[in-house]
């Protein structure tokens, strides 16, 4: 079972998430809180494997919490749960270190699946996120500091990256592109190297910054 903590300032929303997770045999909820200070305390106990975090909270919000966790060297993956009412806020959260992003209206299966992906060392973006983030980045491009334009991606690498950005798993990408799963993994590894990142979330953000996903 994956040990999870849930932090959200809206009591009814938090209780709803907890009630959903209680239905899963794969999840053990080990703590809950209502703001970023609670989140830091929960992670500091050492028994949380995945943190579910809201962005808009009193006292210490989600962005500040992510930044503080990074400053403390925390390796606990954070799954942001939000209503997605602010594209820039989500971009900031991903850049601050969030490993996943989902809407609050996801199903139990989607939520448990996302938790499993993060617990296994992966990253996950809500399907359909990329288009909205691209519009946000296009409206106010983010500077890529200290990073020159990377070696061009091959057409196939771009295909794989676009599908990954849309939320497809390696197996699903392999099916769409008629490739072996190992080949997809190799393409993604090449993309990570070229973009100077370590995971899918950073690859998508870097690609958005560089305009590689346009069209």
N, C-alpha and C. Protein backbone atom coordinates (compact mmCIF):
# COMPACT_ATOMS: atom_id res chain seq x y z
N UNK A 1 0.84 -1.20 0.00
CA UNK A 1 0.00 0.00 0.00
C UNK A 1 0.87 1.25 0.00
N UNK A 2 0.38 2.30 -0.67
CA UNK A 2 1.10 3.57 -0.73
C UNK A 2 0.58 4.49 0.36
N UNK A 3 1.49 5.02 1.16
CA UNK A 3 1.11 5.91 2.26
C UNK A 3 0.98 7.34 1.74
N UNK A 4 -0.19 7.92 1.93
CA UNK A 4 -0.54 9.20 1.33
C UNK A 4 -0.99 10.20 2.40
N UNK A 5 -0.65 11.47 2.18
CA UNK A 5 -1.17 12.56 3.00
C UNK A 5 -1.93 13.52 2.08
N UNK A 6 -3.03 14.06 2.58
CA UNK A 6 -3.88 14.96 1.80
C UNK A 6 -3.93 16.32 2.48
N UNK A 7 -3.59 17.38 1.73
CA UNK A 7 -3.61 18.73 2.29
C UNK A 7 -4.47 19.62 1.40
N UNK A 8 -5.56 20.13 1.97
CA UNK A 8 -6.49 21.00 1.26
C UNK A 8 -7.24 21.82 2.30
N UNK A 9 -7.36 23.13 2.08
CA UNK A 9 -7.98 23.98 3.08
C UNK A 9 -9.50 23.87 3.10
N UNK A 10 -10.12 23.33 2.04
CA UNK A 10 -11.57 23.18 1.99
C UNK A 10 -11.96 21.85 2.64
N UNK A 11 -12.59 21.94 3.78
CA UNK A 11 -12.88 20.74 4.57
C UNK A 11 -13.71 19.72 3.80
N UNK A 12 -14.76 20.16 3.13
CA UNK A 12 -15.61 19.23 2.40
C UNK A 12 -14.85 18.55 1.26
N UNK A 13 -14.02 19.32 0.57
CA UNK A 13 -13.22 18.74 -0.52
C UNK A 13 -12.24 17.73 0.03
N UNK A 14 -11.55 18.10 1.10
CA UNK A 14 -10.58 17.18 1.71
C UNK A 14 -11.25 15.90 2.19
N UNK A 15 -12.40 16.05 2.83
CA UNK A 15 -13.11 14.86 3.30
C UNK A 15 -13.59 13.99 2.14
N UNK A 16 -13.97 14.65 1.03
CA UNK A 16 -14.37 13.89 -0.15
C UNK A 16 -13.23 13.08 -0.71
N UNK A 17 -12.04 13.69 -0.79
CA UNK A 17 -10.86 12.97 -1.28
C UNK A 17 -10.51 11.81 -0.36
N UNK A 18 -10.57 12.07 0.95
CA UNK A 18 -10.27 11.02 1.92
C UNK A 18 -11.26 9.87 1.82
N UNK A 19 -12.53 10.20 1.60
CA UNK A 19 -13.55 9.17 1.47
C UNK A 19 -13.31 8.31 0.25
N UNK A 20 -12.90 8.95 -0.85
CA UNK A 20 -12.57 8.20 -2.07
C UNK A 20 -11.40 7.26 -1.83
N UNK A 21 -10.33 7.79 -1.24
CA UNK A 21 -9.14 6.99 -1.03
C UNK A 21 -9.40 5.82 -0.09
N UNK A 22 -10.34 5.99 0.83
CA UNK A 22 -10.67 4.93 1.77
C UNK A 22 -11.28 3.71 1.07
N UNK A 23 -11.76 3.91 -0.15
CA UNK A 23 -12.36 2.81 -0.91
C UNK A 23 -11.31 1.95 -1.61
N UNK A 24 -10.07 2.41 -1.64
CA UNK A 24 -9.01 1.70 -2.35
C UNK A 24 -8.18 0.84 -1.41
N UNK A 25 -7.90 -0.38 -1.83
CA UNK A 25 -7.04 -1.27 -1.06
C UNK A 25 -5.56 -0.96 -1.28
N UNK A 26 -5.27 -0.02 -2.22
CA UNK A 26 -3.89 0.29 -2.57
C UNK A 26 -3.34 1.50 -1.83
N UNK A 27 -4.23 2.20 -1.11
CA UNK A 27 -3.85 3.47 -0.48
C UNK A 27 -4.06 3.41 1.03
N UNK A 28 -3.09 3.93 1.76
CA UNK A 28 -3.25 4.13 3.21
C UNK A 28 -3.04 5.61 3.50
N UNK A 29 -4.06 6.28 3.98
CA UNK A 29 -3.95 7.70 4.33
C UNK A 29 -3.30 7.80 5.71
N UNK A 30 -2.17 8.47 5.77
CA UNK A 30 -1.43 8.58 7.04
C UNK A 30 -1.47 9.98 7.63
N UNK A 31 -2.16 10.89 6.95
CA UNK A 31 -2.25 12.23 7.50
C UNK A 31 -3.05 13.16 6.62
N UNK A 32 -3.51 14.26 7.21
CA UNK A 32 -4.23 15.28 6.47
C UNK A 32 -3.96 16.64 7.09
N UNK A 33 -4.14 17.68 6.28
CA UNK A 33 -3.91 19.03 6.77
C UNK A 33 -4.66 20.04 5.94
N UNK A 34 -4.58 21.32 6.37
CA UNK A 34 -5.35 22.35 5.69
C UNK A 34 -4.50 23.47 5.12
N UNK A 35 -3.19 23.41 5.26
CA UNK A 35 -2.35 24.43 4.64
C UNK A 35 -0.92 23.91 4.48
N UNK A 36 -0.07 24.75 3.91
CA UNK A 36 1.29 24.34 3.63
C UNK A 36 2.11 24.01 4.85
N UNK A 37 1.86 24.70 5.95
CA UNK A 37 2.59 24.37 7.17
C UNK A 37 2.28 22.95 7.63
N UNK A 38 1.01 22.58 7.50
CA UNK A 38 0.63 21.20 7.83
C UNK A 38 1.34 20.22 6.90
N UNK A 39 1.42 20.58 5.61
CA UNK A 39 2.07 19.70 4.62
C UNK A 39 3.53 19.48 4.98
N UNK A 40 4.22 20.54 5.35
CA UNK A 40 5.64 20.42 5.70
C UNK A 40 5.81 19.53 6.94
N UNK A 41 4.91 19.68 7.90
CA UNK A 41 4.99 18.86 9.11
C UNK A 41 4.73 17.39 8.79
N UNK A 42 3.76 17.14 7.93
CA UNK A 42 3.43 15.76 7.56
C UNK A 42 4.60 15.09 6.84
N UNK A 43 5.18 15.79 5.87
CA UNK A 43 6.31 15.23 5.13
C UNK A 43 7.50 15.03 6.06
N UNK A 44 7.66 15.94 7.00
CA UNK A 44 8.78 15.85 7.92
C UNK A 44 8.74 14.65 8.83
N UNK A 45 7.56 14.03 8.98
CA UNK A 45 7.47 12.84 9.84
C UNK A 45 8.17 11.64 9.23
N UNK A 46 8.29 11.62 7.90
CA UNK A 46 9.03 10.55 7.24
C UNK A 46 8.23 9.35 6.81
N UNK A 47 6.89 9.35 7.01
CA UNK A 47 6.11 8.18 6.63
C UNK A 47 5.21 8.43 5.42
N UNK A 48 5.30 9.61 4.82
CA UNK A 48 4.48 9.94 3.65
C UNK A 48 5.22 9.57 2.37
N UNK A 49 4.59 8.80 1.51
CA UNK A 49 5.20 8.40 0.24
C UNK A 49 4.74 9.26 -0.93
N UNK A 50 3.52 9.79 -0.86
CA UNK A 50 3.01 10.72 -1.86
C UNK A 50 2.17 11.77 -1.15
N UNK A 51 2.40 13.04 -1.49
CA UNK A 51 1.64 14.14 -0.91
C UNK A 51 0.67 14.69 -1.93
N UNK A 52 -0.63 14.73 -1.57
CA UNK A 52 -1.65 15.35 -2.40
C UNK A 52 -1.84 16.77 -1.89
N UNK A 53 -1.64 17.76 -2.76
CA UNK A 53 -1.54 19.14 -2.31
C UNK A 53 -2.41 20.07 -3.14
N UNK A 54 -3.21 20.89 -2.47
CA UNK A 54 -3.94 21.96 -3.13
C UNK A 54 -2.99 23.13 -3.35
N UNK A 55 -3.35 24.05 -4.25
CA UNK A 55 -2.49 25.19 -4.51
C UNK A 55 -2.92 26.43 -3.74
N UNK A 56 -4.20 26.70 -3.72
CA UNK A 56 -4.71 27.90 -3.06
C UNK A 56 -5.09 27.56 -1.63
N UNK A 57 -4.24 28.02 -0.67
CA UNK A 57 -4.49 27.76 0.75
C UNK A 57 -4.04 28.96 1.56
N UNK A 58 -4.60 29.14 2.75
CA UNK A 58 -4.18 30.26 3.61
C UNK A 58 -2.80 29.99 4.22
N UNK A 59 -2.28 31.01 4.85
CA UNK A 59 -0.96 30.98 5.50
C UNK A 59 0.15 30.62 4.51
N UNK A 60 0.40 29.36 4.25
CA UNK A 60 1.41 28.95 3.28
C UNK A 60 0.70 28.21 2.14
N UNK A 61 0.78 28.79 0.93
CA UNK A 61 0.07 28.18 -0.20
C UNK A 61 0.87 27.04 -0.82
N UNK A 62 0.33 26.44 -1.88
CA UNK A 62 0.96 25.28 -2.49
C UNK A 62 2.31 25.58 -3.11
N UNK A 63 2.43 26.73 -3.77
CA UNK A 63 3.71 27.08 -4.41
C UNK A 63 4.80 27.24 -3.37
N UNK A 64 4.51 28.00 -2.33
CA UNK A 64 5.48 28.20 -1.25
C UNK A 64 5.86 26.87 -0.60
N UNK A 65 4.90 26.00 -0.47
CA UNK A 65 5.16 24.68 0.12
C UNK A 65 6.10 23.87 -0.77
N UNK A 66 5.84 23.86 -2.06
CA UNK A 66 6.71 23.14 -3.00
C UNK A 66 8.13 23.69 -2.96
N UNK A 67 8.25 25.00 -2.92
CA UNK A 67 9.58 25.62 -2.89
C UNK A 67 10.31 25.27 -1.60
N UNK A 68 9.60 25.25 -0.49
CA UNK A 68 10.23 24.90 0.79
C UNK A 68 10.63 23.43 0.83
N UNK A 69 9.79 22.56 0.27
CA UNK A 69 10.14 21.14 0.21
C UNK A 69 11.40 20.93 -0.62
N UNK A 70 11.49 21.66 -1.74
CA UNK A 70 12.69 21.56 -2.58
C UNK A 70 13.91 22.06 -1.82
N UNK A 71 13.76 23.16 -1.10
CA UNK A 71 14.88 23.72 -0.34
C UNK A 71 15.35 22.76 0.75
N UNK A 72 14.43 21.97 1.28
CA UNK A 72 14.78 21.00 2.32
C UNK A 72 15.31 19.69 1.74
N UNK A 73 15.31 19.60 0.42
CA UNK A 73 15.81 18.38 -0.21
C UNK A 73 14.85 17.22 -0.14
N UNK A 74 13.56 17.49 0.05
CA UNK A 74 12.57 16.43 0.15
C UNK A 74 12.45 15.67 -1.17
N UNK A 75 12.35 14.36 -1.08
CA UNK A 75 12.17 13.53 -2.26
C UNK A 75 10.75 12.97 -2.34
N UNK A 76 9.86 13.42 -1.48
CA UNK A 76 8.47 12.96 -1.51
C UNK A 76 7.77 13.57 -2.72
N UNK A 77 7.26 12.77 -3.62
CA UNK A 77 6.60 13.33 -4.81
C UNK A 77 5.28 14.00 -4.44
N UNK A 78 5.03 15.13 -5.09
CA UNK A 78 3.82 15.90 -4.80
C UNK A 78 2.88 15.86 -6.00
N UNK A 79 1.64 15.45 -5.72
CA UNK A 79 0.59 15.46 -6.74
C UNK A 79 -0.32 16.63 -6.45
N UNK A 80 -0.33 17.61 -7.35
CA UNK A 80 -1.18 18.78 -7.19
C UNK A 80 -2.61 18.44 -7.61
N UNK A 81 -3.56 18.77 -6.74
CA UNK A 81 -4.98 18.63 -7.05
C UNK A 81 -5.59 20.03 -7.02
N UNK A 82 -6.14 20.47 -8.13
CA UNK A 82 -6.62 21.84 -8.22
C UNK A 82 -7.84 21.91 -9.12
N UNK A 83 -8.54 23.04 -9.07
CA UNK A 83 -9.65 23.27 -9.97
C UNK A 83 -9.18 23.84 -11.30
N UNK A 84 -7.87 24.10 -11.42
CA UNK A 84 -7.25 24.60 -12.65
C UNK A 84 -7.89 25.91 -13.12
N UNK A 85 -8.00 26.87 -12.21
CA UNK A 85 -8.57 28.16 -12.59
C UNK A 85 -7.50 29.18 -12.92
N UNK A 86 -6.24 28.77 -12.92
CA UNK A 86 -5.14 29.72 -13.16
C UNK A 86 -3.98 28.98 -13.82
N UNK A 87 -3.83 29.14 -15.14
CA UNK A 87 -2.78 28.43 -15.87
C UNK A 87 -1.39 28.77 -15.35
N UNK A 88 -1.16 30.06 -15.06
CA UNK A 88 0.15 30.48 -14.59
C UNK A 88 0.49 29.83 -13.26
N UNK A 89 -0.53 29.67 -12.42
CA UNK A 89 -0.31 29.05 -11.11
C UNK A 89 0.14 27.60 -11.27
N UNK A 90 -0.49 26.89 -12.21
CA UNK A 90 -0.11 25.50 -12.45
C UNK A 90 1.30 25.42 -13.01
N UNK A 91 1.63 26.33 -13.94
CA UNK A 91 3.00 26.36 -14.47
C UNK A 91 4.01 26.58 -13.35
N UNK A 92 3.71 27.52 -12.46
CA UNK A 92 4.61 27.79 -11.34
C UNK A 92 4.76 26.57 -10.44
N UNK A 93 3.65 25.85 -10.24
CA UNK A 93 3.71 24.66 -9.39
C UNK A 93 4.60 23.59 -10.00
N UNK A 94 4.48 23.38 -11.28
CA UNK A 94 5.31 22.38 -11.95
C UNK A 94 6.77 22.78 -11.92
N UNK A 95 7.03 24.06 -12.13
CA UNK A 95 8.42 24.52 -12.08
C UNK A 95 8.98 24.48 -10.67
N UNK A 96 8.10 24.57 -9.68
CA UNK A 96 8.55 24.53 -8.28
C UNK A 96 8.82 23.12 -7.79
N UNK A 97 8.44 22.13 -8.60
CA UNK A 97 8.80 20.77 -8.22
C UNK A 97 7.67 19.76 -8.15
N UNK A 98 6.44 20.17 -8.45
CA UNK A 98 5.34 19.20 -8.44
C UNK A 98 5.61 18.11 -9.47
N UNK A 99 5.33 16.88 -9.11
CA UNK A 99 5.60 15.75 -10.00
C UNK A 99 4.36 15.30 -10.75
N UNK A 100 3.20 15.83 -10.35
CA UNK A 100 1.96 15.45 -11.02
C UNK A 100 0.92 16.52 -10.87
N UNK A 101 -0.09 16.46 -11.74
CA UNK A 101 -1.17 17.43 -11.72
C UNK A 101 -2.46 16.75 -12.14
N UNK A 102 -3.52 16.96 -11.37
CA UNK A 102 -4.84 16.42 -11.70
C UNK A 102 -5.92 17.42 -11.28
N UNK A 103 -7.04 17.37 -11.98
CA UNK A 103 -8.21 18.11 -11.56
C UNK A 103 -8.85 17.42 -10.37
N UNK A 104 -9.58 18.20 -9.57
CA UNK A 104 -10.21 17.64 -8.38
C UNK A 104 -11.42 16.76 -8.71
N UNK A 105 -11.90 16.80 -9.95
CA UNK A 105 -13.06 16.00 -10.29
C UNK A 105 -12.69 14.65 -10.92
N UNK A 106 -11.47 14.18 -10.70
CA UNK A 106 -11.03 12.90 -11.27
C UNK A 106 -11.78 11.75 -10.59
N UNK A 107 -11.79 10.62 -11.25
CA UNK A 107 -12.39 9.42 -10.66
C UNK A 107 -11.42 8.80 -9.67
N UNK A 108 -11.93 7.88 -8.88
CA UNK A 108 -11.08 7.17 -7.93
C UNK A 108 -9.98 6.41 -8.66
N UNK A 109 -10.32 5.72 -9.75
CA UNK A 109 -9.32 4.96 -10.50
C UNK A 109 -8.22 5.88 -11.02
N UNK A 110 -8.59 7.06 -11.52
CA UNK A 110 -7.59 8.00 -12.03
C UNK A 110 -6.69 8.50 -10.91
N UNK A 111 -7.29 8.78 -9.77
CA UNK A 111 -6.51 9.29 -8.64
C UNK A 111 -5.56 8.23 -8.11
N UNK A 112 -6.06 7.03 -7.91
CA UNK A 112 -5.21 5.94 -7.42
C UNK A 112 -4.12 5.62 -8.43
N UNK A 113 -4.47 5.64 -9.71
CA UNK A 113 -3.47 5.40 -10.74
C UNK A 113 -2.36 6.44 -10.72
N UNK A 114 -2.74 7.70 -10.57
CA UNK A 114 -1.76 8.78 -10.52
C UNK A 114 -0.84 8.64 -9.30
N UNK A 115 -1.43 8.30 -8.16
CA UNK A 115 -0.62 8.10 -6.95
C UNK A 115 0.38 6.97 -7.17
N UNK A 116 -0.07 5.90 -7.82
CA UNK A 116 0.83 4.79 -8.10
C UNK A 116 1.97 5.18 -9.01
N UNK A 117 1.69 6.01 -10.02
CA UNK A 117 2.73 6.47 -10.94
C UNK A 117 3.78 7.27 -10.18
N UNK A 118 3.35 8.21 -9.34
CA UNK A 118 4.29 9.04 -8.59
C UNK A 118 5.08 8.21 -7.58
N UNK A 119 4.39 7.28 -6.91
CA UNK A 119 5.08 6.43 -5.93
C UNK A 119 6.14 5.58 -6.59
N UNK A 120 5.93 5.25 -7.87
CA UNK A 120 6.89 4.44 -8.60
C UNK A 120 8.00 5.25 -9.24
N UNK A 121 8.04 6.55 -8.96
CA UNK A 121 9.10 7.39 -9.49
C UNK A 121 8.77 8.10 -10.78
N UNK A 122 7.53 7.97 -11.25
CA UNK A 122 7.14 8.60 -12.50
C UNK A 122 6.53 9.97 -12.29
N UNK A 123 6.11 10.57 -13.39
CA UNK A 123 5.42 11.86 -13.37
C UNK A 123 4.12 11.73 -14.16
N UNK A 124 3.19 12.63 -13.88
CA UNK A 124 1.90 12.53 -14.55
C UNK A 124 1.28 13.90 -14.73
N UNK A 125 0.83 14.18 -15.95
CA UNK A 125 0.11 15.41 -16.24
C UNK A 125 -1.31 15.08 -16.65
N UNK A 126 -2.24 15.91 -16.19
CA UNK A 126 -3.64 15.72 -16.58
C UNK A 126 -3.78 15.74 -18.10
N UNK A 127 -4.43 14.74 -18.70
CA UNK A 127 -4.66 14.78 -20.14
C UNK A 127 -5.35 16.08 -20.55
N UNK A 128 -4.87 16.68 -21.63
CA UNK A 128 -5.42 17.94 -22.09
C UNK A 128 -4.76 19.15 -21.48
N UNK A 129 -3.84 18.95 -20.53
CA UNK A 129 -3.16 20.07 -19.88
C UNK A 129 -2.29 20.85 -20.84
N UNK A 130 -1.63 20.17 -21.75
CA UNK A 130 -0.61 20.79 -22.58
C UNK A 130 -1.14 21.97 -23.38
N UNK A 131 -2.32 21.83 -23.98
CA UNK A 131 -2.86 22.92 -24.79
C UNK A 131 -3.05 24.19 -23.99
N UNK A 132 -3.58 24.06 -22.79
CA UNK A 132 -3.79 25.25 -21.95
C UNK A 132 -2.47 25.85 -21.51
N UNK A 133 -1.52 25.00 -21.14
CA UNK A 133 -0.22 25.53 -20.74
C UNK A 133 0.49 26.20 -21.91
N UNK A 134 0.33 25.62 -23.12
CA UNK A 134 0.96 26.24 -24.27
C UNK A 134 0.41 27.65 -24.50
N UNK A 135 -0.89 27.82 -24.34
CA UNK A 135 -1.47 29.15 -24.51
C UNK A 135 -0.96 30.11 -23.45
N UNK A 136 -0.80 29.61 -22.22
CA UNK A 136 -0.29 30.46 -21.15
C UNK A 136 1.15 30.86 -21.42
N UNK A 137 1.97 29.91 -21.86
CA UNK A 137 3.37 30.21 -22.16
C UNK A 137 3.47 31.14 -23.35
N UNK A 138 2.64 30.95 -24.35
CA UNK A 138 2.66 31.79 -25.54
C UNK A 138 2.28 33.23 -25.20
N UNK A 139 1.36 33.38 -24.25
CA UNK A 139 0.91 34.71 -23.87
C UNK A 139 1.99 35.46 -23.11
N UNK A 140 2.78 34.70 -22.33
CA UNK A 140 3.87 35.34 -21.59
C UNK A 140 5.02 34.36 -21.52
N UNK A 141 5.87 34.33 -22.55
CA UNK A 141 6.95 33.34 -22.61
C UNK A 141 7.86 33.41 -21.40
N UNK A 142 8.23 32.24 -20.92
CA UNK A 142 9.15 32.17 -19.78
C UNK A 142 10.58 32.07 -20.29
N UNK A 143 11.46 32.78 -19.62
CA UNK A 143 12.86 32.74 -20.02
C UNK A 143 13.49 31.42 -19.62
N UNK A 144 14.30 30.88 -20.49
CA UNK A 144 15.03 29.66 -20.18
C UNK A 144 16.45 30.08 -19.82
N UNK A 145 16.67 30.28 -18.54
CA UNK A 145 17.94 30.84 -18.10
C UNK A 145 19.05 29.81 -18.14
N UNK A 146 20.19 30.24 -18.66
CA UNK A 146 21.37 29.39 -18.65
C UNK A 146 21.23 28.15 -19.49
N UNK A 147 20.35 28.18 -20.48
CA UNK A 147 20.14 26.98 -21.29
C UNK A 147 19.97 27.38 -22.74
N UNK A 148 20.92 27.04 -23.57
CA UNK A 148 20.83 27.37 -24.98
C UNK A 148 19.83 26.44 -25.66
N UNK A 149 19.40 26.85 -26.85
CA UNK A 149 18.44 26.02 -27.57
C UNK A 149 19.07 24.64 -27.78
N UNK A 150 18.33 23.58 -27.47
CA UNK A 150 18.92 22.24 -27.48
C UNK A 150 19.13 21.70 -28.88
N UNK A 151 19.81 20.59 -28.93
CA UNK A 151 19.94 19.86 -30.19
C UNK A 151 18.55 19.53 -30.70
N UNK A 152 18.27 19.74 -31.99
CA UNK A 152 16.91 19.50 -32.51
C UNK A 152 16.43 18.07 -32.25
N UNK A 153 15.15 17.95 -31.92
CA UNK A 153 14.55 16.63 -31.76
C UNK A 153 14.20 16.08 -33.14
N UNK A 154 14.31 14.78 -33.28
CA UNK A 154 13.92 14.15 -34.53
C UNK A 154 12.39 14.16 -34.64
N UNK A 155 11.84 14.00 -35.84
CA UNK A 155 10.38 13.95 -35.98
C UNK A 155 9.75 12.89 -35.08
N UNK A 156 10.37 11.74 -34.97
CA UNK A 156 9.81 10.68 -34.13
C UNK A 156 9.88 11.06 -32.66
N UNK A 157 10.97 11.69 -32.24
CA UNK A 157 11.08 12.14 -30.85
C UNK A 157 9.99 13.18 -30.53
N UNK A 158 9.71 14.05 -31.49
CA UNK A 158 8.64 15.03 -31.30
C UNK A 158 7.27 14.34 -31.19
N UNK A 159 7.07 13.33 -32.02
CA UNK A 159 5.81 12.57 -31.94
C UNK A 159 5.64 11.97 -30.54
N UNK A 160 6.69 11.34 -30.05
CA UNK A 160 6.65 10.71 -28.73
C UNK A 160 6.42 11.76 -27.65
N UNK A 161 7.12 12.90 -27.74
CA UNK A 161 7.00 13.95 -26.73
C UNK A 161 5.59 14.54 -26.72
N UNK A 162 5.00 14.75 -27.88
CA UNK A 162 3.65 15.31 -27.95
C UNK A 162 2.63 14.37 -27.31
N UNK A 163 2.78 13.07 -27.56
CA UNK A 163 1.86 12.11 -26.96
C UNK A 163 2.08 12.02 -25.44
N UNK A 164 3.33 12.08 -25.02
CA UNK A 164 3.62 12.07 -23.59
C UNK A 164 3.01 13.30 -22.92
N UNK A 165 3.09 14.44 -23.61
CA UNK A 165 2.53 15.69 -23.08
C UNK A 165 1.02 15.60 -22.97
N UNK A 166 0.40 14.80 -23.82
CA UNK A 166 -1.05 14.64 -23.80
C UNK A 166 -1.50 13.62 -22.75
N UNK A 167 -0.55 13.04 -22.03
CA UNK A 167 -0.90 12.14 -20.95
C UNK A 167 -0.84 10.67 -21.29
N UNK A 168 -0.33 10.32 -22.48
CA UNK A 168 -0.25 8.91 -22.88
C UNK A 168 0.88 8.21 -22.12
N UNK A 169 0.65 6.97 -21.74
CA UNK A 169 1.70 6.15 -21.13
C UNK A 169 2.62 5.63 -22.22
N UNK A 170 3.75 5.05 -21.82
CA UNK A 170 4.67 4.48 -22.81
C UNK A 170 3.98 3.42 -23.66
N UNK A 171 3.18 2.57 -22.99
CA UNK A 171 2.49 1.52 -23.72
C UNK A 171 1.50 2.09 -24.72
N UNK A 172 0.79 3.14 -24.32
CA UNK A 172 -0.18 3.77 -25.22
C UNK A 172 0.51 4.45 -26.39
N UNK A 173 1.65 5.09 -26.12
CA UNK A 173 2.41 5.72 -27.20
C UNK A 173 2.88 4.66 -28.19
N UNK A 174 3.35 3.55 -27.65
CA UNK A 174 3.81 2.45 -28.51
C UNK A 174 2.68 1.98 -29.42
N UNK A 175 1.47 1.88 -28.86
CA UNK A 175 0.34 1.44 -29.66
C UNK A 175 -0.03 2.42 -30.75
N UNK A 176 -0.03 3.71 -30.42
CA UNK A 176 -0.39 4.73 -31.40
C UNK A 176 0.62 4.81 -32.54
N UNK A 177 1.90 4.75 -32.17
CA UNK A 177 2.96 4.92 -33.17
C UNK A 177 3.46 3.59 -33.75
N UNK A 178 2.88 2.49 -33.29
CA UNK A 178 3.28 1.16 -33.78
C UNK A 178 4.77 0.91 -33.54
N UNK A 179 5.17 1.16 -32.29
CA UNK A 179 6.56 0.95 -31.89
C UNK A 179 6.60 -0.02 -30.72
N UNK A 180 7.76 -0.57 -30.47
CA UNK A 180 7.96 -1.38 -29.27
C UNK A 180 8.05 -0.45 -28.07
N UNK A 181 7.59 -0.94 -26.90
CA UNK A 181 7.64 -0.12 -25.69
C UNK A 181 9.06 0.30 -25.37
N UNK A 182 10.02 -0.58 -25.61
CA UNK A 182 11.42 -0.23 -25.36
C UNK A 182 11.90 0.89 -26.26
N UNK A 183 11.40 0.92 -27.49
CA UNK A 183 11.78 1.98 -28.42
C UNK A 183 11.24 3.32 -27.94
N UNK A 184 10.01 3.32 -27.44
CA UNK A 184 9.43 4.54 -26.91
C UNK A 184 10.27 5.06 -25.73
N UNK A 185 10.65 4.14 -24.85
CA UNK A 185 11.47 4.53 -23.70
C UNK A 185 12.80 5.12 -24.16
N UNK A 186 13.39 4.54 -25.20
CA UNK A 186 14.65 5.06 -25.73
C UNK A 186 14.47 6.46 -26.31
N UNK A 187 13.36 6.66 -27.03
CA UNK A 187 13.09 7.99 -27.59
C UNK A 187 12.93 9.02 -26.48
N UNK A 188 12.20 8.65 -25.42
CA UNK A 188 12.02 9.58 -24.31
C UNK A 188 13.34 9.89 -23.62
N UNK A 189 14.18 8.88 -23.46
CA UNK A 189 15.50 9.10 -22.86
C UNK A 189 16.31 10.08 -23.68
N UNK A 190 16.23 9.95 -25.01
CA UNK A 190 16.95 10.87 -25.89
C UNK A 190 16.40 12.29 -25.76
N UNK A 191 15.07 12.39 -25.63
CA UNK A 191 14.44 13.70 -25.46
C UNK A 191 14.92 14.35 -24.16
N UNK A 192 14.96 13.57 -23.08
CA UNK A 192 15.41 14.10 -21.79
C UNK A 192 16.83 14.63 -21.88
N UNK A 193 17.69 13.87 -22.55
CA UNK A 193 19.09 14.28 -22.68
C UNK A 193 19.19 15.58 -23.47
N UNK A 194 18.49 15.64 -24.59
CA UNK A 194 18.56 16.82 -25.45
C UNK A 194 18.00 18.08 -24.78
N UNK A 195 16.95 17.89 -23.99
CA UNK A 195 16.33 19.04 -23.34
C UNK A 195 16.95 19.36 -21.98
N UNK A 196 17.84 18.49 -21.52
CA UNK A 196 18.51 18.73 -20.25
C UNK A 196 17.60 18.58 -19.04
N UNK A 197 16.69 17.59 -19.10
CA UNK A 197 15.74 17.37 -18.00
C UNK A 197 15.82 15.92 -17.55
N UNK A 198 15.07 15.61 -16.48
CA UNK A 198 15.16 14.26 -15.92
C UNK A 198 13.85 13.49 -15.95
N UNK A 199 12.74 14.16 -16.33
CA UNK A 199 11.47 13.45 -16.33
C UNK A 199 10.50 14.09 -17.31
N UNK A 200 9.32 13.48 -17.44
CA UNK A 200 8.33 13.93 -18.42
C UNK A 200 7.83 15.35 -18.13
N UNK A 201 7.56 15.62 -16.86
CA UNK A 201 7.04 16.94 -16.52
C UNK A 201 7.99 18.03 -16.95
N UNK A 202 9.28 17.87 -16.63
CA UNK A 202 10.26 18.88 -17.01
C UNK A 202 10.43 18.94 -18.52
N UNK A 203 10.32 17.80 -19.17
CA UNK A 203 10.45 17.77 -20.64
C UNK A 203 9.33 18.58 -21.28
N UNK A 204 8.10 18.40 -20.79
CA UNK A 204 6.97 19.14 -21.35
C UNK A 204 7.12 20.63 -21.08
N UNK A 205 7.52 21.00 -19.87
CA UNK A 205 7.71 22.41 -19.55
C UNK A 205 8.80 23.04 -20.42
N UNK A 206 9.91 22.31 -20.59
CA UNK A 206 11.00 22.82 -21.42
C UNK A 206 10.55 22.96 -22.87
N UNK A 207 9.80 21.98 -23.35
CA UNK A 207 9.30 22.03 -24.72
C UNK A 207 8.34 23.18 -24.92
N UNK A 208 7.49 23.44 -23.90
CA UNK A 208 6.58 24.58 -23.97
C UNK A 208 7.34 25.90 -24.01
N UNK A 209 8.35 26.00 -23.16
CA UNK A 209 9.17 27.22 -23.14
C UNK A 209 9.83 27.48 -24.50
N UNK A 210 10.24 26.40 -25.15
CA UNK A 210 10.97 26.53 -26.41
C UNK A 210 10.04 26.51 -27.63
N UNK A 211 8.74 26.36 -27.40
CA UNK A 211 7.81 26.36 -28.52
C UNK A 211 7.83 25.10 -29.35
N UNK A 212 8.31 24.00 -28.77
CA UNK A 212 8.44 22.77 -29.55
C UNK A 212 7.12 22.03 -29.74
N UNK A 213 6.13 22.36 -28.94
CA UNK A 213 4.85 21.66 -29.03
C UNK A 213 3.81 22.44 -29.83
N UNK A 214 4.21 23.56 -30.38
CA UNK A 214 3.27 24.36 -31.16
C UNK A 214 2.78 23.57 -32.37
N UNK A 215 1.47 23.62 -32.59
CA UNK A 215 0.92 22.91 -33.75
C UNK A 215 0.73 21.44 -33.49
